């Protein structure tokens, strides 16, 4: 039986995209509570204002569009909010409170730019689907990412390999959080696009740790 986390131990679901992009960035935001805006984060916030507005109700034939749906998973130990969950009327679907019939849920995550080279967005989307599956007792085989720059949807197949990476990443995030551990990282080209670059000071990560300094000098003395 899988371990289940208590509600007070839940981590923010959106953190998985930070953790995937950079473990140090995730720790600065979610452990040290550091934050700094740049153009990308502001544009992303504006894009999500409408998608997270749960006062907007839409129904198009057999499709219901739910915005800003709160989600959680005790197995992953996470909570968050879906941008959009599309509910398609389907005889093999699940019951939705306040609605007649059964529906197939499909999460859609909105992003400001274009598809990324890394899989941060895909992991976040898969984690959302896994939360919905646990809450609604259903199976969600695919979901979508919508990118504001290309104005196109990208279908994501939620296979077992992807689900396994989501589970492993959340386990690692919980371990870091429990230890309140902020790791060092090797500076890379992604640092230039990070809003926390001035706080992180990645060049300092090149400096050796105190432990390394002492060990190195002890070796020199004993040689």
N, C-alpha and C. Protein backbone atom coordinates (compact mmCIF):
# COMPACT_ATOMS: atom_id res chain seq x y z
N UNK A 1 0.84 -1.20 0.00
CA UNK A 1 0.00 0.00 0.00
C UNK A 1 0.88 1.25 0.00
N UNK A 2 0.55 2.23 -0.84
CA UNK A 2 1.35 3.45 -0.94
C UNK A 2 1.23 4.29 0.32
N UNK A 3 2.34 4.99 0.66
CA UNK A 3 2.31 5.91 1.79
C UNK A 3 1.35 7.05 1.50
N UNK A 4 0.61 7.49 2.52
CA UNK A 4 -0.27 8.64 2.36
C UNK A 4 0.21 9.76 3.28
N UNK A 5 0.27 10.98 2.74
CA UNK A 5 0.72 12.14 3.50
C UNK A 5 -0.46 12.80 4.20
N UNK A 6 -0.19 13.40 5.36
CA UNK A 6 -1.20 14.17 6.06
C UNK A 6 -1.35 15.53 5.38
N UNK A 7 -2.52 16.13 5.55
CA UNK A 7 -2.81 17.39 4.87
C UNK A 7 -1.81 18.49 5.25
N UNK A 8 -1.37 18.49 6.50
CA UNK A 8 -0.43 19.53 6.93
C UNK A 8 0.97 19.37 6.31
N UNK A 9 1.20 18.22 5.68
CA UNK A 9 2.49 17.98 5.04
C UNK A 9 2.43 18.18 3.52
N UNK A 10 1.27 18.60 3.01
CA UNK A 10 1.14 18.77 1.56
C UNK A 10 2.08 19.88 1.07
N UNK A 11 2.68 19.65 -0.10
CA UNK A 11 3.47 20.66 -0.80
C UNK A 11 2.66 21.21 -1.95
N UNK A 12 3.00 22.44 -2.39
CA UNK A 12 2.29 23.03 -3.52
C UNK A 12 2.61 22.26 -4.80
N UNK A 13 1.55 21.91 -5.53
CA UNK A 13 1.72 21.12 -6.75
C UNK A 13 2.55 21.85 -7.79
N UNK A 14 2.35 23.17 -7.90
CA UNK A 14 3.08 23.93 -8.92
C UNK A 14 4.59 23.86 -8.70
N UNK A 15 5.01 23.48 -7.49
CA UNK A 15 6.43 23.40 -7.19
C UNK A 15 7.16 22.36 -8.02
N UNK A 16 6.45 21.40 -8.58
CA UNK A 16 7.14 20.35 -9.34
C UNK A 16 7.79 20.92 -10.59
N UNK A 17 7.20 21.98 -11.18
CA UNK A 17 7.84 22.57 -12.35
C UNK A 17 9.11 23.34 -11.93
N UNK A 18 9.10 23.96 -10.74
CA UNK A 18 10.32 24.61 -10.24
C UNK A 18 11.40 23.57 -9.96
N UNK A 19 11.00 22.47 -9.29
CA UNK A 19 11.95 21.43 -8.90
C UNK A 19 12.57 20.79 -10.13
N UNK A 20 11.75 20.58 -11.16
CA UNK A 20 12.25 19.97 -12.40
C UNK A 20 13.21 20.90 -13.11
N UNK A 21 12.90 22.21 -13.09
CA UNK A 21 13.77 23.21 -13.74
C UNK A 21 15.07 23.39 -12.97
N UNK A 22 14.95 23.49 -11.62
CA UNK A 22 16.14 23.71 -10.78
C UNK A 22 15.76 23.43 -9.33
N UNK A 23 16.44 22.46 -8.71
CA UNK A 23 16.12 22.09 -7.33
C UNK A 23 16.41 23.24 -6.37
N UNK A 24 17.45 24.02 -6.68
CA UNK A 24 17.77 25.17 -5.82
C UNK A 24 16.67 26.24 -5.92
N UNK A 25 16.16 26.48 -7.14
CA UNK A 25 15.08 27.45 -7.29
C UNK A 25 13.86 27.02 -6.47
N UNK A 26 13.52 25.73 -6.55
CA UNK A 26 12.38 25.22 -5.78
C UNK A 26 12.59 25.45 -4.28
N UNK A 27 13.79 25.13 -3.79
CA UNK A 27 14.06 25.27 -2.35
C UNK A 27 14.00 26.73 -1.92
N UNK A 28 14.53 27.64 -2.75
CA UNK A 28 14.48 29.07 -2.41
C UNK A 28 13.03 29.55 -2.29
N UNK A 29 12.17 29.08 -3.20
CA UNK A 29 10.77 29.51 -3.19
C UNK A 29 9.97 28.82 -2.09
N UNK A 30 10.08 27.50 -2.01
CA UNK A 30 9.15 26.73 -1.17
C UNK A 30 9.68 26.45 0.24
N UNK A 31 10.97 26.52 0.44
CA UNK A 31 11.52 26.33 1.79
C UNK A 31 11.89 27.67 2.40
N UNK A 32 12.61 28.50 1.63
CA UNK A 32 13.09 29.78 2.17
C UNK A 32 12.11 30.93 1.93
N UNK A 33 11.00 30.63 1.20
CA UNK A 33 9.95 31.65 0.96
C UNK A 33 10.51 32.89 0.27
N UNK A 34 11.41 32.70 -0.69
CA UNK A 34 11.97 33.81 -1.46
C UNK A 34 11.21 33.94 -2.77
N UNK A 35 11.04 35.17 -3.27
CA UNK A 35 10.36 35.36 -4.55
C UNK A 35 10.78 36.68 -5.15
N UNK A 36 10.87 36.73 -6.45
CA UNK A 36 11.18 37.96 -7.15
C UNK A 36 10.57 37.87 -8.54
N UNK A 37 9.86 38.93 -8.93
CA UNK A 37 9.19 38.92 -10.23
C UNK A 37 10.16 39.31 -11.35
N UNK A 38 9.92 38.78 -12.55
CA UNK A 38 10.52 39.32 -13.76
C UNK A 38 9.42 39.35 -14.82
N UNK A 39 9.76 39.74 -16.05
CA UNK A 39 8.73 39.89 -17.09
C UNK A 39 7.96 38.59 -17.30
N UNK A 40 8.68 37.46 -17.29
CA UNK A 40 8.03 36.18 -17.55
C UNK A 40 7.01 35.83 -16.47
N UNK A 41 7.35 36.06 -15.20
CA UNK A 41 6.43 35.69 -14.12
C UNK A 41 5.21 36.61 -14.10
N UNK A 42 5.42 37.91 -14.46
CA UNK A 42 4.29 38.84 -14.51
C UNK A 42 3.33 38.45 -15.64
N UNK A 43 3.89 38.15 -16.82
CA UNK A 43 3.05 37.74 -17.95
C UNK A 43 2.31 36.45 -17.64
N UNK A 44 2.97 35.52 -16.96
CA UNK A 44 2.32 34.28 -16.57
C UNK A 44 1.17 34.51 -15.61
N UNK A 45 1.36 35.46 -14.67
CA UNK A 45 0.31 35.78 -13.72
C UNK A 45 -0.91 36.36 -14.39
N UNK A 46 -0.69 37.24 -15.38
CA UNK A 46 -1.82 37.84 -16.13
C UNK A 46 -2.58 36.77 -16.89
N UNK A 47 -1.84 35.85 -17.54
CA UNK A 47 -2.50 34.77 -18.30
C UNK A 47 -3.39 33.92 -17.41
N UNK A 48 -2.96 33.70 -16.16
CA UNK A 48 -3.70 32.80 -15.28
C UNK A 48 -4.87 33.47 -14.55
N UNK A 49 -4.98 34.82 -14.66
CA UNK A 49 -6.07 35.50 -13.97
C UNK A 49 -7.43 34.97 -14.41
N UNK A 50 -7.61 34.80 -15.74
CA UNK A 50 -8.90 34.31 -16.23
C UNK A 50 -9.05 32.80 -16.01
N UNK A 51 -7.97 32.06 -16.28
CA UNK A 51 -8.09 30.60 -16.19
C UNK A 51 -8.37 30.14 -14.77
N UNK A 52 -7.96 30.94 -13.76
CA UNK A 52 -8.20 30.55 -12.37
C UNK A 52 -9.48 31.16 -11.80
N UNK A 53 -10.26 31.87 -12.63
CA UNK A 53 -11.49 32.50 -12.15
C UNK A 53 -12.61 31.46 -12.08
N UNK A 54 -12.84 30.92 -10.87
CA UNK A 54 -13.84 29.86 -10.74
C UNK A 54 -15.26 30.38 -10.70
N UNK A 55 -15.44 31.71 -10.90
CA UNK A 55 -16.81 32.25 -10.99
C UNK A 55 -17.35 32.13 -12.42
N UNK A 56 -16.44 31.83 -13.38
CA UNK A 56 -16.87 31.69 -14.78
C UNK A 56 -17.34 30.26 -15.02
N UNK A 57 -18.58 30.11 -15.46
CA UNK A 57 -19.14 28.79 -15.76
C UNK A 57 -19.42 28.70 -17.26
N UNK A 58 -18.93 27.62 -17.88
CA UNK A 58 -19.14 27.46 -19.31
C UNK A 58 -19.69 26.07 -19.59
N UNK A 59 -20.65 26.01 -20.52
CA UNK A 59 -21.20 24.73 -20.96
C UNK A 59 -21.42 24.81 -22.46
N UNK A 60 -20.81 23.90 -23.18
CA UNK A 60 -20.95 23.85 -24.64
C UNK A 60 -21.43 22.47 -25.02
N UNK A 61 -22.73 22.29 -25.22
CA UNK A 61 -23.27 20.98 -25.54
C UNK A 61 -23.00 19.98 -24.44
N UNK A 62 -22.25 18.93 -24.77
CA UNK A 62 -21.93 17.90 -23.78
C UNK A 62 -20.62 18.17 -23.05
N UNK A 63 -20.11 19.39 -23.20
CA UNK A 63 -18.85 19.75 -22.55
C UNK A 63 -19.09 20.82 -21.48
N UNK A 64 -18.58 20.56 -20.28
CA UNK A 64 -18.59 21.55 -19.20
C UNK A 64 -17.15 21.96 -18.93
N UNK A 65 -16.91 23.28 -18.81
CA UNK A 65 -15.55 23.77 -18.56
C UNK A 65 -15.49 24.32 -17.14
N UNK A 66 -14.64 23.72 -16.32
CA UNK A 66 -14.46 24.14 -14.92
C UNK A 66 -13.13 24.85 -14.78
N UNK A 67 -13.12 26.04 -14.18
CA UNK A 67 -11.88 26.81 -14.01
C UNK A 67 -11.53 26.92 -12.53
N UNK A 68 -10.23 26.88 -12.27
CA UNK A 68 -9.76 27.09 -10.90
C UNK A 68 -10.20 26.00 -9.94
N UNK A 69 -10.24 24.75 -10.40
CA UNK A 69 -10.67 23.64 -9.54
C UNK A 69 -9.55 23.26 -8.56
N UNK A 70 -9.86 23.28 -7.27
CA UNK A 70 -8.89 22.87 -6.26
C UNK A 70 -8.71 21.36 -6.28
N UNK A 71 -7.46 20.91 -6.17
CA UNK A 71 -7.16 19.47 -6.24
C UNK A 71 -6.14 19.11 -5.15
N UNK A 72 -6.03 17.81 -4.86
CA UNK A 72 -5.03 17.34 -3.91
C UNK A 72 -4.78 15.85 -4.13
N UNK A 73 -3.68 15.38 -3.57
CA UNK A 73 -3.37 13.95 -3.58
C UNK A 73 -2.68 13.59 -2.27
N UNK A 74 -3.23 12.62 -1.55
CA UNK A 74 -2.60 12.14 -0.31
C UNK A 74 -1.41 11.24 -0.64
N UNK A 75 -1.43 10.60 -1.81
CA UNK A 75 -0.33 9.71 -2.18
C UNK A 75 0.91 10.52 -2.58
N UNK A 76 0.70 11.60 -3.35
CA UNK A 76 1.82 12.47 -3.73
C UNK A 76 2.15 13.45 -2.62
N UNK A 77 1.15 13.75 -1.75
CA UNK A 77 1.35 14.74 -0.70
C UNK A 77 1.39 16.14 -1.27
N UNK A 78 0.36 16.49 -2.04
CA UNK A 78 0.38 17.79 -2.71
C UNK A 78 -1.02 18.35 -2.85
N UNK A 79 -1.09 19.68 -3.00
CA UNK A 79 -2.37 20.35 -3.25
C UNK A 79 -2.12 21.49 -4.22
N UNK A 80 -3.14 21.85 -4.98
CA UNK A 80 -2.98 22.92 -5.96
C UNK A 80 -4.28 23.26 -6.64
N UNK A 81 -4.17 23.88 -7.80
CA UNK A 81 -5.35 24.33 -8.55
C UNK A 81 -5.13 24.05 -10.03
N UNK A 82 -6.15 23.48 -10.67
CA UNK A 82 -6.09 23.28 -12.12
C UNK A 82 -6.51 24.57 -12.81
N UNK A 83 -5.81 24.94 -13.89
CA UNK A 83 -6.28 26.07 -14.69
C UNK A 83 -7.68 25.77 -15.22
N UNK A 84 -7.79 24.71 -15.99
CA UNK A 84 -9.06 24.31 -16.60
C UNK A 84 -9.19 22.79 -16.53
N UNK A 85 -10.39 22.32 -16.18
CA UNK A 85 -10.71 20.90 -16.31
C UNK A 85 -11.92 20.80 -17.23
N UNK A 86 -11.73 20.15 -18.38
CA UNK A 86 -12.85 19.96 -19.32
C UNK A 86 -13.52 18.64 -18.97
N UNK A 87 -14.85 18.68 -18.84
CA UNK A 87 -15.64 17.51 -18.47
C UNK A 87 -16.52 17.12 -19.65
N UNK A 88 -16.14 16.02 -20.31
CA UNK A 88 -16.87 15.55 -21.50
C UNK A 88 -17.89 14.50 -21.07
N UNK A 89 -19.16 14.69 -21.48
CA UNK A 89 -20.18 13.69 -21.16
C UNK A 89 -19.77 12.35 -21.78
N UNK A 90 -19.73 11.32 -20.96
CA UNK A 90 -19.24 10.02 -21.43
C UNK A 90 -19.88 8.93 -20.57
N UNK A 91 -20.47 7.90 -21.20
CA UNK A 91 -21.11 6.84 -20.41
C UNK A 91 -20.14 6.09 -19.50
N UNK A 92 -18.86 6.11 -19.83
CA UNK A 92 -17.86 5.44 -19.00
C UNK A 92 -17.18 6.39 -18.03
N UNK A 93 -17.73 7.59 -17.87
CA UNK A 93 -17.10 8.60 -17.03
C UNK A 93 -17.48 8.49 -15.57
N UNK A 94 -17.32 9.57 -14.85
CA UNK A 94 -17.58 9.59 -13.40
C UNK A 94 -18.68 10.61 -13.09
N UNK A 95 -19.30 10.44 -11.94
CA UNK A 95 -20.34 11.37 -11.50
C UNK A 95 -19.68 12.67 -11.02
N UNK A 96 -20.29 13.79 -11.38
CA UNK A 96 -19.83 15.10 -10.95
C UNK A 96 -20.93 15.74 -10.11
N UNK A 97 -20.57 16.22 -8.93
CA UNK A 97 -21.55 16.79 -8.01
C UNK A 97 -22.36 17.90 -8.69
N UNK A 98 -23.70 17.78 -8.59
CA UNK A 98 -24.58 18.81 -9.13
C UNK A 98 -24.90 18.66 -10.61
N UNK A 99 -24.36 17.62 -11.26
CA UNK A 99 -24.59 17.41 -12.69
C UNK A 99 -25.21 16.04 -12.93
N UNK A 100 -26.13 15.97 -13.89
CA UNK A 100 -26.72 14.69 -14.26
C UNK A 100 -25.81 13.99 -15.25
N UNK A 101 -25.78 12.65 -15.18
CA UNK A 101 -24.96 11.88 -16.10
C UNK A 101 -23.53 11.72 -15.59
N UNK A 102 -22.69 11.14 -16.46
CA UNK A 102 -21.28 10.92 -16.09
C UNK A 102 -20.37 11.62 -17.10
N UNK A 103 -19.16 11.97 -16.64
CA UNK A 103 -18.26 12.80 -17.44
C UNK A 103 -16.82 12.29 -17.37
N UNK A 104 -16.09 12.54 -18.47
CA UNK A 104 -14.66 12.20 -18.53
C UNK A 104 -13.86 13.48 -18.30
N UNK A 105 -13.08 13.56 -17.19
CA UNK A 105 -12.31 14.79 -16.93
C UNK A 105 -10.99 14.82 -17.71
N UNK A 106 -10.67 15.99 -18.26
CA UNK A 106 -9.41 16.20 -18.99
C UNK A 106 -8.82 17.55 -18.55
N UNK A 107 -7.70 17.54 -17.81
CA UNK A 107 -7.09 18.82 -17.39
C UNK A 107 -6.36 19.51 -18.54
N UNK A 108 -6.42 20.84 -18.51
CA UNK A 108 -5.71 21.67 -19.50
C UNK A 108 -4.93 22.74 -18.73
N UNK A 109 -3.61 22.75 -18.88
CA UNK A 109 -2.75 23.72 -18.19
C UNK A 109 -2.32 24.80 -19.17
N UNK A 110 -2.46 26.07 -18.79
CA UNK A 110 -2.11 27.20 -19.65
C UNK A 110 -0.72 27.71 -19.31
N UNK A 111 0.09 27.96 -20.34
CA UNK A 111 1.42 28.51 -20.17
C UNK A 111 1.60 29.70 -21.10
N UNK A 112 2.38 30.71 -20.65
CA UNK A 112 2.49 31.95 -21.39
C UNK A 112 3.33 31.85 -22.67
N UNK A 113 4.35 31.04 -22.70
CA UNK A 113 5.32 31.02 -23.80
C UNK A 113 5.03 29.95 -24.83
N UNK A 114 6.05 29.15 -25.10
CA UNK A 114 5.93 28.06 -26.07
C UNK A 114 6.48 26.79 -25.44
N UNK A 115 6.25 25.62 -26.08
CA UNK A 115 6.75 24.37 -25.48
C UNK A 115 8.23 24.45 -25.12
N UNK A 116 8.56 23.94 -23.93
CA UNK A 116 9.93 24.04 -23.42
C UNK A 116 10.76 22.81 -23.79
N UNK A 117 12.09 22.99 -23.72
CA UNK A 117 12.98 21.86 -23.98
C UNK A 117 12.95 20.87 -22.82
N UNK A 118 12.70 21.37 -21.60
CA UNK A 118 12.63 20.46 -20.45
C UNK A 118 11.17 19.98 -20.27
N UNK A 119 10.95 19.06 -19.33
CA UNK A 119 9.62 18.48 -19.17
C UNK A 119 8.90 19.03 -17.93
N UNK A 120 9.27 20.24 -17.47
CA UNK A 120 8.66 20.81 -16.27
C UNK A 120 7.14 20.94 -16.41
N UNK A 121 6.68 21.46 -17.54
CA UNK A 121 5.24 21.64 -17.73
C UNK A 121 4.51 20.29 -17.80
N UNK A 122 5.14 19.33 -18.46
CA UNK A 122 4.52 18.01 -18.61
C UNK A 122 4.36 17.33 -17.25
N UNK A 123 5.38 17.44 -16.40
CA UNK A 123 5.32 16.84 -15.07
C UNK A 123 4.21 17.49 -14.23
N UNK A 124 4.08 18.82 -14.31
CA UNK A 124 3.03 19.51 -13.57
C UNK A 124 1.65 19.05 -14.03
N UNK A 125 1.48 18.94 -15.34
CA UNK A 125 0.19 18.51 -15.89
C UNK A 125 -0.14 17.09 -15.46
N UNK A 126 0.84 16.20 -15.50
CA UNK A 126 0.62 14.81 -15.09
C UNK A 126 0.25 14.73 -13.62
N UNK A 127 0.91 15.56 -12.79
CA UNK A 127 0.58 15.57 -11.35
C UNK A 127 -0.86 16.03 -11.13
N UNK A 128 -1.32 17.00 -11.91
CA UNK A 128 -2.71 17.44 -11.81
C UNK A 128 -3.66 16.28 -12.13
N UNK A 129 -3.36 15.56 -13.21
CA UNK A 129 -4.21 14.43 -13.61
C UNK A 129 -4.22 13.35 -12.54
N UNK A 130 -3.07 13.10 -11.91
CA UNK A 130 -3.00 12.07 -10.86
C UNK A 130 -3.82 12.48 -9.64
N UNK A 131 -3.86 13.78 -9.35
CA UNK A 131 -4.71 14.27 -8.26
C UNK A 131 -6.19 14.03 -8.59
N UNK A 132 -6.57 14.39 -9.82
CA UNK A 132 -7.97 14.21 -10.22
C UNK A 132 -8.37 12.74 -10.19
N UNK A 133 -7.46 11.88 -10.62
CA UNK A 133 -7.75 10.44 -10.60
C UNK A 133 -8.01 9.95 -9.18
N UNK A 134 -7.19 10.43 -8.25
CA UNK A 134 -7.34 10.01 -6.85
C UNK A 134 -8.63 10.57 -6.24
N UNK A 135 -8.98 11.80 -6.60
CA UNK A 135 -10.18 12.43 -6.05
C UNK A 135 -11.46 11.86 -6.65
N UNK A 136 -11.44 11.58 -7.96
CA UNK A 136 -12.67 11.18 -8.67
C UNK A 136 -12.73 9.69 -8.95
N UNK A 137 -11.69 8.95 -8.54
CA UNK A 137 -11.62 7.49 -8.75
C UNK A 137 -11.83 7.15 -10.22
N UNK A 138 -10.94 7.68 -11.04
CA UNK A 138 -11.04 7.46 -12.48
C UNK A 138 -9.65 7.33 -13.08
N UNK A 139 -9.57 7.10 -14.37
CA UNK A 139 -8.31 7.04 -15.09
C UNK A 139 -8.30 8.13 -16.16
N UNK A 140 -7.22 8.91 -16.21
CA UNK A 140 -7.10 9.98 -17.19
C UNK A 140 -5.88 9.67 -18.06
N UNK A 141 -6.09 9.16 -19.28
CA UNK A 141 -4.95 8.74 -20.11
C UNK A 141 -4.21 9.86 -20.80
N UNK A 142 -4.86 11.02 -20.98
CA UNK A 142 -4.20 12.11 -21.70
C UNK A 142 -4.70 13.46 -21.19
N UNK A 143 -3.91 14.49 -21.41
CA UNK A 143 -4.27 15.85 -20.99
C UNK A 143 -3.61 16.82 -21.97
N UNK A 144 -3.80 18.14 -21.74
CA UNK A 144 -3.31 19.11 -22.73
C UNK A 144 -2.60 20.28 -22.06
N UNK A 145 -1.56 20.78 -22.77
CA UNK A 145 -0.90 22.04 -22.43
C UNK A 145 -1.27 23.04 -23.51
N UNK A 146 -1.66 24.26 -23.10
CA UNK A 146 -1.95 25.33 -24.06
C UNK A 146 -0.92 26.43 -23.87
N UNK A 147 -0.23 26.81 -24.97
CA UNK A 147 0.81 27.83 -24.89
C UNK A 147 0.34 29.14 -25.52
N UNK A 148 0.47 30.23 -24.74
CA UNK A 148 -0.02 31.53 -25.18
C UNK A 148 0.70 32.08 -26.39
N UNK A 149 1.99 31.73 -26.57
CA UNK A 149 2.75 32.27 -27.70
C UNK A 149 2.37 31.60 -29.01
N UNK A 150 2.15 30.30 -28.97
CA UNK A 150 1.81 29.57 -30.20
C UNK A 150 0.31 29.46 -30.41
N UNK A 151 -0.47 29.74 -29.35
CA UNK A 151 -1.94 29.62 -29.40
C UNK A 151 -2.36 28.21 -29.81
N UNK A 152 -1.60 27.23 -29.41
CA UNK A 152 -1.92 25.84 -29.76
C UNK A 152 -1.88 24.95 -28.53
N UNK A 153 -2.63 23.85 -28.65
CA UNK A 153 -2.65 22.83 -27.61
C UNK A 153 -1.64 21.74 -27.94
N UNK A 154 -1.05 21.20 -26.91
CA UNK A 154 -0.14 20.07 -27.06
C UNK A 154 -0.69 18.91 -26.23
N UNK A 155 -0.99 17.80 -26.91
CA UNK A 155 -1.53 16.63 -26.18
C UNK A 155 -0.39 15.90 -25.49
N UNK A 156 -0.62 15.52 -24.24
CA UNK A 156 0.38 14.81 -23.45
C UNK A 156 -0.20 13.44 -23.05
N UNK A 157 0.48 12.37 -23.44
CA UNK A 157 0.06 11.03 -23.05
C UNK A 157 0.62 10.74 -21.65
N UNK A 158 -0.25 10.38 -20.74
CA UNK A 158 0.14 10.18 -19.34
C UNK A 158 0.47 8.70 -19.11
N UNK A 159 1.65 8.29 -19.58
CA UNK A 159 2.01 6.87 -19.47
C UNK A 159 2.64 6.57 -18.10
N UNK A 160 2.90 5.29 -17.86
CA UNK A 160 3.40 4.87 -16.55
C UNK A 160 4.79 5.42 -16.26
N UNK A 161 5.61 5.56 -17.29
CA UNK A 161 6.96 6.10 -17.10
C UNK A 161 6.89 7.54 -16.59
N UNK A 162 6.01 8.35 -17.19
CA UNK A 162 5.85 9.74 -16.76
C UNK A 162 5.29 9.80 -15.34
N UNK A 163 4.32 8.96 -15.04
CA UNK A 163 3.73 8.93 -13.69
C UNK A 163 4.79 8.55 -12.65
N UNK A 164 5.66 7.61 -13.03
CA UNK A 164 6.72 7.19 -12.12
C UNK A 164 7.67 8.34 -11.79
N UNK A 165 7.99 9.16 -12.81
CA UNK A 165 8.88 10.30 -12.58
C UNK A 165 8.22 11.34 -11.67
N UNK A 166 6.90 11.50 -11.81
CA UNK A 166 6.19 12.44 -10.93
C UNK A 166 6.25 11.95 -9.48
N UNK A 167 6.00 10.66 -9.26
CA UNK A 167 6.04 10.11 -7.90
C UNK A 167 7.43 10.26 -7.29
N UNK A 168 8.46 9.91 -8.07
CA UNK A 168 9.83 10.00 -7.57
C UNK A 168 10.19 11.43 -7.22
N UNK A 169 9.76 12.37 -8.05
CA UNK A 169 10.11 13.78 -7.82
C UNK A 169 9.43 14.31 -6.56
N UNK A 170 8.18 13.94 -6.33
CA UNK A 170 7.50 14.40 -5.12
C UNK A 170 8.14 13.78 -3.87
N UNK A 171 8.56 12.52 -3.96
CA UNK A 171 9.24 11.91 -2.82
C UNK A 171 10.51 12.68 -2.48
N UNK A 172 11.26 13.07 -3.52
CA UNK A 172 12.50 13.82 -3.31
C UNK A 172 12.20 15.21 -2.74
N UNK A 173 11.15 15.85 -3.24
CA UNK A 173 10.77 17.17 -2.73
C UNK A 173 10.41 17.10 -1.25
N UNK A 174 9.68 16.06 -0.85
CA UNK A 174 9.33 15.90 0.57
C UNK A 174 10.57 15.68 1.42
N UNK A 175 11.53 14.90 0.89
CA UNK A 175 12.77 14.67 1.65
C UNK A 175 13.53 15.98 1.86
N UNK A 176 13.65 16.77 0.80
CA UNK A 176 14.33 18.07 0.90
C UNK A 176 13.59 18.97 1.89
N UNK A 177 12.26 19.01 1.78
CA UNK A 177 11.47 19.91 2.63
C UNK A 177 11.60 19.51 4.10
N UNK A 178 11.55 18.21 4.37
CA UNK A 178 11.65 17.74 5.76
C UNK A 178 13.00 18.13 6.37
N UNK A 179 14.06 18.11 5.53
CA UNK A 179 15.41 18.48 6.00
C UNK A 179 15.65 19.98 5.92
N UNK A 180 14.70 20.72 5.32
CA UNK A 180 14.88 22.15 5.04
C UNK A 180 16.21 22.37 4.30
N UNK A 181 16.41 21.58 3.27
CA UNK A 181 17.68 21.53 2.54
C UNK A 181 17.59 22.34 1.24
N UNK A 182 18.46 23.33 1.12
CA UNK A 182 18.57 24.11 -0.13
C UNK A 182 19.86 23.70 -0.83
N UNK A 183 19.78 22.93 -1.91
CA UNK A 183 21.00 22.42 -2.54
C UNK A 183 21.72 23.48 -3.37
N UNK A 184 23.01 23.25 -3.60
CA UNK A 184 23.75 24.04 -4.57
C UNK A 184 23.52 23.42 -5.95
N UNK A 185 23.71 24.21 -6.98
CA UNK A 185 23.58 23.68 -8.34
C UNK A 185 24.71 24.24 -9.20
N UNK A 186 24.96 23.58 -10.31
CA UNK A 186 25.94 24.10 -11.27
C UNK A 186 25.26 25.16 -12.13
N UNK A 187 25.84 26.37 -12.22
CA UNK A 187 25.25 27.39 -13.09
C UNK A 187 25.11 26.87 -14.52
N UNK A 188 24.01 27.21 -15.18
CA UNK A 188 23.80 26.80 -16.57
C UNK A 188 23.05 27.90 -17.31
N UNK A 189 22.77 27.70 -18.58
CA UNK A 189 22.14 28.75 -19.38
C UNK A 189 20.74 29.09 -18.88
N UNK A 190 20.10 28.14 -18.17
CA UNK A 190 18.77 28.39 -17.63
C UNK A 190 18.77 29.46 -16.55
N UNK A 191 19.94 29.69 -15.91
CA UNK A 191 20.03 30.68 -14.84
C UNK A 191 19.66 32.08 -15.34
N UNK A 192 19.97 32.38 -16.61
CA UNK A 192 19.71 33.71 -17.16
C UNK A 192 18.21 34.02 -17.22
N UNK A 193 17.38 33.00 -17.31
CA UNK A 193 15.93 33.22 -17.40
C UNK A 193 15.24 33.07 -16.06
N UNK A 194 16.00 32.81 -15.00
CA UNK A 194 15.40 32.58 -13.67
C UNK A 194 15.15 33.91 -12.97
N UNK A 195 13.94 34.10 -12.45
CA UNK A 195 13.60 35.35 -11.77
C UNK A 195 14.35 35.49 -10.45
N UNK A 196 14.88 34.39 -9.92
CA UNK A 196 15.57 34.43 -8.63
C UNK A 196 17.09 34.53 -8.76
N UNK A 197 17.57 34.88 -9.95
CA UNK A 197 19.02 34.87 -10.19
C UNK A 197 19.76 35.78 -9.20
N UNK A 198 19.20 36.97 -8.90
CA UNK A 198 19.88 37.88 -7.99
C UNK A 198 19.88 37.36 -6.56
N UNK A 199 18.86 36.60 -6.19
CA UNK A 199 18.79 36.03 -4.84
C UNK A 199 19.66 34.78 -4.75
N UNK A 200 19.62 33.98 -5.82
CA UNK A 200 20.32 32.69 -5.83
C UNK A 200 21.83 32.88 -5.88
N UNK A 201 22.28 33.88 -6.68
CA UNK A 201 23.70 34.10 -6.92
C UNK A 201 24.40 32.79 -7.30
N UNK A 202 24.04 32.21 -8.47
CA UNK A 202 24.54 30.88 -8.84
C UNK A 202 26.05 30.79 -8.90
N UNK A 203 26.75 31.93 -9.18
CA UNK A 203 28.21 31.83 -9.26
C UNK A 203 28.82 31.43 -7.92
N UNK A 204 28.13 31.78 -6.81
CA UNK A 204 28.65 31.40 -5.50
C UNK A 204 28.60 29.89 -5.29
N UNK A 205 27.74 29.21 -6.07
CA UNK A 205 27.65 27.75 -5.94
C UNK A 205 28.93 27.07 -6.39
N UNK A 206 29.77 27.82 -7.14
CA UNK A 206 31.04 27.23 -7.57
C UNK A 206 32.03 27.14 -6.42
N UNK A 207 31.84 27.98 -5.39
CA UNK A 207 32.77 27.97 -4.27
C UNK A 207 32.69 26.66 -3.51
N UNK A 208 33.83 26.11 -3.05
CA UNK A 208 33.79 24.85 -2.31
C UNK A 208 33.14 25.04 -0.94
N UNK A 209 32.54 23.98 -0.43
CA UNK A 209 31.92 24.03 0.88
C UNK A 209 33.00 24.07 1.97
N UNK A 210 32.58 24.44 3.20
CA UNK A 210 33.51 24.46 4.33
C UNK A 210 34.09 23.07 4.56
N UNK A 211 33.22 22.06 4.44
CA UNK A 211 33.66 20.67 4.64
C UNK A 211 34.76 20.30 3.63
N UNK A 212 34.55 20.70 2.36
CA UNK A 212 35.54 20.41 1.32
C UNK A 212 36.84 21.14 1.59
N UNK A 213 36.75 22.42 2.04
CA UNK A 213 37.94 23.23 2.32
C UNK A 213 38.78 22.58 3.43
N UNK A 214 38.11 22.18 4.53
CA UNK A 214 38.83 21.58 5.67
C UNK A 214 39.47 20.27 5.26
N UNK A 215 38.71 19.43 4.53
CA UNK A 215 39.24 18.13 4.12
C UNK A 215 40.46 18.31 3.23
N UNK A 216 40.39 19.26 2.28
CA UNK A 216 41.50 19.49 1.34
C UNK A 216 42.75 19.93 2.09
N UNK A 217 42.60 20.86 3.05
CA UNK A 217 43.75 21.38 3.77
C UNK A 217 44.32 20.37 4.76
N UNK A 218 43.49 19.51 5.33
CA UNK A 218 43.98 18.46 6.21
C UNK A 218 44.84 17.48 5.43
N UNK A 219 44.40 17.17 4.19
CA UNK A 219 45.18 16.26 3.36
C UNK A 219 46.54 16.86 3.04
N UNK A 220 46.57 18.18 2.78
CA UNK A 220 47.84 18.83 2.44
C UNK A 220 48.80 18.80 3.62
N UNK A 221 48.26 18.92 4.87
CA UNK A 221 49.10 18.91 6.06
C UNK A 221 49.67 17.53 6.31
N UNK A 222 48.89 16.48 6.09
CA UNK A 222 49.32 15.12 6.40
C UNK A 222 50.22 14.53 5.34
N UNK A 223 50.24 15.13 4.14
CA UNK A 223 51.07 14.58 3.06
C UNK A 223 52.55 14.94 3.26
